Amino acid sequence: MAKPIPSVISEEIKARFWAKVDIRGADECWPWLSASRQGGRGVFMIARNPHSAPRVAWSIANGVAIPEDQHACHSCDNPPCVNPAHIWPGTQADNIKDCVAKGRHGSKKKDFCKRGHALTDSNRRPIRRGGSHCAACAKEQTRERMRKFRSGRPETPLSERRRKAWKTRREKYGVSGCSAAAIRKLGGDDA
């Protein structure tokens, strides 16, 4: 378990902490600019111990550390934010209640995908690990990939020479592409 945040934080540590924050307006999010964990929450080192940046921000602003059995919850739902006005101490249950009240909980069935397509039974495509995704989005992504694939193949000098050689053989012997290949293999063409 991580060591608790010291009850007294020196001015030097406070200055080092706020130097890693993009401080904006009082109502805006203040993004953490230094190291962060996978979920986006900042990490701040005090005496070689890593601490959650939102917990440290709240502790500096209020002069007391958040109790160990509570979390640093965000009213803005922005993990990198360290604005003390956006952070409140609460239990995991409090955090989940807040999440559900804001409609941000993953168990809620969605009516639309992130691109705005209606998620009806006919527009859902199952995925291996459970759940489903939007079939219309999958079609769009496939079309986009194929468009990029087709347009992204510039004709090289070698491929252009081969194309001209095949065309010459077809015209010279009056045959299809397969016959032109046979003529070349038999050595009947010097092209």
C-alpha atoms as a PDB file:
ATOM      1  CA  MET A   1       0.000   0.000   0.000  1.00  0.00           C
ATOM      2  CA  ALA A   2       1.247   3.499  -0.817  1.00  0.00           C
ATOM      3  CA  LYS A   3       2.479   5.716   1.954  1.00  0.00           C
ATOM      4  CA  PRO A   4       0.043   8.445   3.028  1.00  0.00           C
ATOM      5  CA  ILE A   5       0.585  12.030   1.941  1.00  0.00           C
ATOM      6  CA  PRO A   6       2.508  13.934   4.655  1.00  0.00           C
ATOM      7  CA  SER A   7       0.303  16.025   6.902  1.00  0.00           C
ATOM      8  CA  VAL A   8       2.590  19.036   6.445  1.00  0.00           C
ATOM      9  CA  ILE A   9       3.641  19.817   2.883  1.00  0.00           C
ATOM     10  CA  SER A  10       6.570  22.237   2.525  1.00  0.00           C
ATOM     11  CA  GLU A  11       6.448  25.344   0.338  1.00  0.00           C
ATOM     12  CA  GLU A  12       9.176  23.817  -1.845  1.00  0.00           C
ATOM     13  CA  ILE A  13       7.015  20.754  -2.565  1.00  0.00           C
ATOM     14  CA  LYS A  14       3.970  22.967  -3.227  1.00  0.00           C
ATOM     15  CA  ALA A  15       5.970  25.067  -5.710  1.00  0.00           C
ATOM     16  CA  ARG A  16       7.286  21.922  -7.434  1.00  0.00           C
ATOM     17  CA  PHE A  17       3.733  20.541  -7.636  1.00  0.00           C
ATOM     18  CA  TRP A  18       2.090  23.671  -9.098  1.00  0.00           C
ATOM     19  CA  ALA A  19       4.935  24.002 -11.644  1.00  0.00           C
ATOM     20  CA  LYS A  20       3.615  20.780 -13.233  1.00  0.00           C
ATOM     21  CA  VAL A  21       0.057  22.146 -13.623  1.00  0.00           C
ATOM     22  CA  ASP A  22      -1.488  24.251 -16.379  1.00  0.00           C
ATOM     23  CA  ILE A  23      -3.423  26.628 -14.109  1.00  0.00           C
ATOM     24  CA  ARG A  24      -6.360  28.213 -15.921  1.00  0.00           C
ATOM     25  CA  GLY A  25      -9.578  29.928 -14.817  1.00  0.00           C
ATOM     26  CA  ALA A  26     -11.166  29.037 -11.475  1.00  0.00           C
ATOM     27  CA  ASP A  27     -13.992  27.047 -13.137  1.00  0.00           C
ATOM     28  CA  GLU A  28     -11.823  25.386 -15.780  1.00  0.00           C
ATOM     29  CA  CYS A  29      -9.939  22.109 -15.537  1.00  0.00           C
ATOM     30  CA  TRP A  30      -6.261  22.404 -14.636  1.00  0.00           C
ATOM     31  CA  PRO A  31      -4.494  19.595 -16.538  1.00  0.00           C
ATOM     32  CA  TRP A  32      -1.561  17.789 -14.983  1.00  0.00           C
ATOM     33  CA  LEU A  33       1.472  18.158 -17.276  1.00  0.00           C
ATOM     34  CA  SER A  34       3.860  15.589 -15.815  1.00  0.00           C
ATOM     35  CA  ALA A  35       3.891  11.799 -15.404  1.00  0.00           C
ATOM     36  CA  SER A  36       0.572  10.008 -15.273  1.00  0.00           C
ATOM     37  CA  ARG A  37      -0.883   6.542 -14.789  1.00  0.00           C
ATOM     38  CA  GLN A  38      -2.636   4.560 -17.497  1.00  0.00           C
ATOM     39  CA  GLY A  39      -6.057   6.078 -16.729  1.00  0.00           C
ATOM     40  CA  GLY A  40      -4.689   9.604 -17.086  1.00  0.00           C
ATOM     41  CA  ARG A  41      -4.406  10.554 -13.402  1.00  0.00           C
ATOM     42  CA  GLY A  42      -1.221  12.394 -12.590  1.00  0.00           C
ATOM     43  CA  VAL A  43       1.524  10.969 -10.364  1.00  0.00           C
ATOM     44  CA  PHE A  44       3.553  13.223  -8.073  1.00  0.00           C
ATOM     45  CA  MET A  45       6.568  12.090  -6.075  1.00  0.00           C
ATOM     46  CA  ILE A  46       6.994  13.177  -2.447  1.00  0.00           C
ATOM     47  CA  ALA A  47      10.054  11.786  -0.650  1.00  0.00           C
ATOM     48  CA  ARG A  48      10.482   9.122  -3.369  1.00  0.00           C
ATOM     49  CA  ASN A  49       6.911   7.901  -2.932  1.00  0.00           C
ATOM     50  CA  PRO A  50       4.366   8.187  -5.752  1.00  0.00           C
ATOM     51  CA  HIS A  51       1.081   9.905  -4.901  1.00  0.00           C
ATOM     52  CA  SER A  52      -2.038  10.641  -6.927  1.00  0.00           C
ATOM     53  CA  ALA A  53      -1.788  14.236  -8.201  1.00  0.00           C
ATOM     54  CA  PRO A  54      -5.500  14.993  -7.543  1.00  0.00           C
ATOM     55  CA  ARG A  55      -5.096  13.810  -3.915  1.00  0.00           C
ATOM     56  CA  VAL A  56      -2.032  16.019  -3.475  1.00  0.00           C
ATOM     57  CA  ALA A  57      -3.822  19.020  -5.048  1.00  0.00           C
ATOM     58  CA  TRP A  58      -6.775  18.649  -2.686  1.00  0.00           C
ATOM     59  CA  SER A  59      -4.427  18.184   0.294  1.00  0.00           C
ATOM     60  CA  ILE A  60      -2.430  21.322  -0.567  1.00  0.00           C
ATOM     61  CA  ALA A  61      -5.586  23.403  -1.040  1.00  0.00           C
ATOM     62  CA  ASN A  62      -7.316  22.199   2.136  1.00  0.00           C
ATOM     63  CA  GLY A  63      -4.322  21.745   4.423  1.00  0.00           C
ATOM     64  CA  VAL A  64      -5.298  18.188   5.311  1.00  0.00           C
ATOM     65  CA  ALA A  65      -4.899  14.885   3.437  1.00  0.00           C
ATOM     66  CA  ILE A  66      -7.822  12.899   2.046  1.00  0.00           C
ATOM     67  CA  PRO A  67      -8.438   9.907   4.356  1.00  0.00           C
ATOM     68  CA  GLU A  68      -6.900   6.666   3.064  1.00  0.00           C
ATOM     69  CA  ASP A  69     -10.301   4.936   2.828  1.00  0.00           C
ATOM     70  CA  GLN A  70     -11.578   7.615   0.416  1.00  0.00           C
ATOM     71  CA  HIS A  71     -10.849   8.544  -3.188  1.00  0.00           C
ATOM     72  CA  ALA A  72     -10.160  11.877  -4.883  1.00  0.00           C
ATOM     73  CA  CYS A  73     -13.367  12.087  -6.941  1.00  0.00           C
ATOM     74  CA  HIS A  74     -13.751  14.556  -9.825  1.00  0.00           C
ATOM     75  CA  SER A  75     -16.864  16.651 -10.344  1.00  0.00           C
ATOM     76  CA  CYS A  76     -15.567  17.349 -13.888  1.00  0.00           C
ATOM     77  CA  ASP A  77     -14.947  13.640 -14.706  1.00  0.00           C
ATOM     78  CA  ASN A  78     -11.556  14.583 -16.177  1.00  0.00           C
ATOM     79  CA  PRO A  79      -8.807  12.361 -14.644  1.00  0.00           C
ATOM     80  CA  PRO A  80      -5.848  14.668 -15.492  1.00  0.00           C
ATOM     81  CA  CYS A  81      -7.570  17.640 -13.786  1.00  0.00           C
ATOM     82  CA  VAL A  82      -6.004  18.802 -10.499  1.00  0.00           C
ATOM     83  CA  ASN A  83      -8.158  21.886  -9.884  1.00  0.00           C
ATOM     84  CA  PRO A  84      -8.991  21.597  -6.155  1.00  0.00           C
ATOM     85  CA  ALA A  85     -12.452  23.084  -6.852  1.00  0.00           C
ATOM     86  CA  HIS A  86     -13.215  20.024  -9.040  1.00  0.00           C
ATOM     87  CA  ILE A  87     -12.001  17.417  -6.529  1.00  0.00           C
ATOM     88  CA  TRP A  88     -13.946  16.069  -3.568  1.00  0.00           C
ATOM     89  CA  PRO A  89     -13.186  13.208  -1.177  1.00  0.00           C
ATOM     90  CA  GLY A  90     -15.587  10.292  -1.357  1.00  0.00           C
ATOM     91  CA  THR A  91     -15.879   6.541  -1.131  1.00  0.00           C
ATOM     92  CA  GLN A  92     -15.940   4.224  -4.146  1.00  0.00           C
ATOM     93  CA  ALA A  93     -19.727   3.940  -3.696  1.00  0.00           C
ATOM     94  CA  ASP A  94     -20.052   7.760  -3.761  1.00  0.00           C
ATOM     95  CA  ASN A  95     -17.995   7.903  -6.940  1.00  0.00           C
ATOM     96  CA  ILE A  96     -20.134   5.247  -8.654  1.00  0.00           C
ATOM     97  CA  LYS A  97     -23.364   7.000  -7.599  1.00  0.00           C
ATOM     98  CA  ASP A  98     -22.008  10.229  -9.091  1.00  0.00           C
ATOM     99  CA  CYS A  99     -21.060   8.399 -12.283  1.00  0.00           C
ATOM    100  CA  VAL A 100     -24.510   6.812 -12.659  1.00  0.00           C
ATOM    101  CA  ALA A 101     -26.266  10.130 -11.885  1.00  0.00           C
ATOM    102  CA  LYS A 102     -24.319  11.782 -14.716  1.00  0.00           C
ATOM    103  CA  GLY A 103     -25.147   8.962 -17.156  1.00  0.00           C
ATOM    104  CA  ARG A 104     -21.487   7.983 -17.545  1.00  0.00           C
ATOM    105  CA  HIS A 105     -21.779   4.432 -16.233  1.00  0.00           C
ATOM    106  CA  GLY A 106     -20.929   1.678 -18.732  1.00  0.00           C
ATOM    107  CA  SER A 107     -23.858  -0.572 -17.828  1.00  0.00           C
ATOM    108  CA  LYS A 108     -26.367   1.822 -19.376  1.00  0.00           C
ATOM    109  CA  LYS A 109     -27.532   0.521 -22.767  1.00  0.00           C
ATOM    110  CA  LYS A 110     -26.664   3.006 -25.478  1.00  0.00           C
ATOM    111  CA  ASP A 111     -29.125   4.038 -28.191  1.00  0.00           C
ATOM    112  CA  PHE A 112     -26.518   5.569 -30.504  1.00  0.00           C
ATOM    113  CA  CYS A 113     -22.879   4.887 -31.311  1.00  0.00           C
ATOM    114  CA  LYS A 114     -20.220   7.577 -30.927  1.00  0.00           C
ATOM    115  CA  ARG A 115     -20.679   8.579 -34.584  1.00  0.00           C
ATOM    116  CA  GLY A 116     -24.448   8.967 -34.205  1.00  0.00           C
ATOM    117  CA  HIS A 117     -25.751   5.761 -35.852  1.00  0.00           C
ATOM    118  CA  ALA A 118     -28.808   4.217 -34.208  1.00  0.00           C
ATOM    119  CA  LEU A 119     -27.851   1.012 -32.379  1.00  0.00           C
ATOM    120  CA  THR A 120     -30.724  -1.234 -33.359  1.00  0.00           C
ATOM    121  CA  ASP A 121     -30.601  -5.040 -33.395  1.00  0.00           C
ATOM    122  CA  SER A 122     -29.948  -4.995 -37.158  1.00  0.00           C
ATOM    123  CA  ASN A 123     -27.082  -2.484 -36.736  1.00  0.00           C
ATOM    124  CA  ARG A 124     -25.198  -4.353 -33.996  1.00  0.00           C
ATOM    125  CA  ARG A 125     -22.338  -6.684 -34.805  1.00  0.00           C
ATOM    126  CA  PRO A 126     -21.188  -9.048 -32.011  1.00  0.00           C
ATOM    127  CA  ILE A 127     -17.531  -9.105 -31.021  1.00  0.00           C
ATOM    128  CA  ARG A 128     -15.548 -12.047 -29.615  1.00  0.00           C
ATOM    129  CA  ARG A 129     -14.914 -10.720 -26.133  1.00  0.00           C
ATOM    130  CA  GLY A 130     -18.602 -10.044 -25.558  1.00  0.00           C
ATOM    131  CA  GLY A 131     -20.730  -7.039 -26.351  1.00  0.00           C
ATOM    132  CA  SER A 132     -21.205  -5.545 -29.777  1.00  0.00           C
ATOM    133  CA  HIS A 133     -20.307  -2.612 -31.955  1.00  0.00           C
ATOM    134  CA  CYS A 134     -21.952  -0.547 -34.690  1.00  0.00           C
ATOM    135  CA  ALA A 135     -22.155  -2.365 -38.035  1.00  0.00           C
ATOM    136  CA  ALA A 136     -22.516   0.919 -39.964  1.00  0.00           C
ATOM    137  CA  CYS A 137     -19.277   2.220 -38.429  1.00  0.00           C
ATOM    138  CA  ALA A 138     -17.519  -1.053 -39.289  1.00  0.00           C
ATOM    139  CA  LYS A 139     -18.635  -0.717 -42.932  1.00  0.00           C
ATOM    140  CA  GLU A 140     -17.434   2.895 -43.065  1.00  0.00           C
ATOM    141  CA  GLN A 141     -14.071   1.940 -41.575  1.00  0.00           C
ATOM    142  CA  THR A 142     -13.652  -0.889 -44.094  1.00  0.00           C
ATOM    143  CA  ARG A 143     -14.522   1.426 -47.007  1.00  0.00           C
ATOM    144  CA  GLU A 144     -12.070   4.038 -45.719  1.00  0.00           C
ATOM    145  CA  ARG A 145      -9.276   1.460 -45.330  1.00  0.00           C
ATOM    146  CA  MET A 146      -9.866   0.126 -48.857  1.00  0.00           C
ATOM    147  CA  ARG A 147      -9.978   3.670 -50.301  1.00  0.00           C
ATOM    148  CA  LYS A 148      -6.650   4.473 -48.620  1.00  0.00           C
ATOM    149  CA  PHE A 149      -5.186   1.139 -49.770  1.00  0.00           C
ATOM    150  CA  ARG A 150      -6.186   1.695 -53.384  1.00  0.00           C
ATOM    151  CA  SER A 151      -5.168   5.339 -53.548  1.00  0.00           C
ATOM    152  CA  GLY A 152      -1.973   4.840 -51.574  1.00  0.00           C
ATOM    153  CA  ARG A 153      -0.287   2.611 -54.152  1.00  0.00           C
ATOM    154  CA  PRO A 154       1.718   4.913 -56.387  1.00  0.00           C
ATOM    155  CA  GLU A 155       2.784   3.403 -59.668  1.00  0.00           C
ATOM    156  CA  THR A 156       6.493   2.648 -59.560  1.00  0.00           C
ATOM    157  CA  PRO A 157       8.679   2.822 -62.669  1.00  0.00           C
ATOM    158  CA  LEU A 158       8.990  -0.998 -62.635  1.00  0.00           C
ATOM    159  CA  SER A 159       5.225  -1.600 -62.436  1.00  0.00           C
ATOM    160  CA  GLU A 160       4.672   0.962 -65.194  1.00  0.00           C
ATOM    161  CA  ARG A 161       7.236  -0.805 -67.427  1.00  0.00           C
ATOM    162  CA  ARG A 162       5.543  -4.173 -66.783  1.00  0.00           C
ATOM    163  CA  ARG A 163       2.109  -2.735 -67.587  1.00  0.00           C
ATOM    164  CA  LYS A 164       3.433  -1.307 -70.865  1.00  0.00           C
ATOM    165  CA  ALA A 165       5.166  -4.598 -71.705  1.00  0.00           C
ATOM    166  CA  TRP A 166       1.939  -6.599 -71.182  1.00  0.00           C
ATOM    167  CA  LYS A 167       0.014  -4.112 -73.293  1.00  0.00           C
ATOM    168  CA  THR A 168       2.646  -4.388 -76.073  1.00  0.00           C
ATOM    169  CA  ARG A 169       2.475  -8.215 -76.035  1.00  0.00           C
ATOM    170  CA  ARG A 170      -1.322  -8.221 -76.145  1.00  0.00           C
ATOM    171  CA  GLU A 171      -1.310  -5.774 -79.068  1.00  0.00           C
ATOM    172  CA  LYS A 172       1.575  -7.462 -80.903  1.00  0.00           C
ATOM    173  CA  TYR A 173       0.150 -10.995 -80.744  1.00  0.00           C
ATOM    174  CA  GLY A 174      -3.549 -10.152 -80.390  1.00  0.00           C
ATOM    175  CA  VAL A 175      -3.935 -12.301 -77.276  1.00  0.00           C
ATOM    176  CA  SER A 176      -5.195 -11.987 -73.707  1.00  0.00           C
ATOM    177  CA  GLY A 177      -2.996 -11.398 -70.656  1.00  0.00           C
ATOM    178  CA  CYS A 178      -2.658 -15.153 -69.940  1.00  0.00           C
ATOM    179  CA  SER A 179      -1.534 -15.870 -73.487  1.00  0.00           C
ATOM    180  CA  ALA A 180       0.916 -12.976 -73.333  1.00  0.00           C
ATOM    181  CA  ALA A 181       2.467 -14.564 -70.238  1.00  0.00           C
ATOM    182  CA  ALA A 182       2.788 -17.882 -72.059  1.00  0.00           C
ATOM    183  CA  ILE A 183       4.472 -16.167 -75.028  1.00  0.00           C
ATOM    184  CA  ARG A 184       6.996 -14.546 -72.681  1.00  0.00           C
ATOM    185  CA  LYS A 185       7.738 -17.895 -70.956  1.00  0.00           C
ATOM    186  CA  LEU A 186       8.307 -19.611 -74.291  1.00  0.00           C
ATOM    187  CA  GLY A 187      10.799 -16.922 -75.204  1.00  0.00           C
ATOM    188  CA  GLY A 188       8.806 -15.670 -78.154  1.00  0.00           C
ATOM    189  CA  ASP A 189       9.032 -12.113 -76.990  1.00  0.00           C
ATOM    190  CA  ASP A 190      12.076  -9.963 -76.611  1.00  0.00           C
ATOM    191  CA  ALA A 191      10.252  -7.238 -74.624  1.00  0.00           C
END
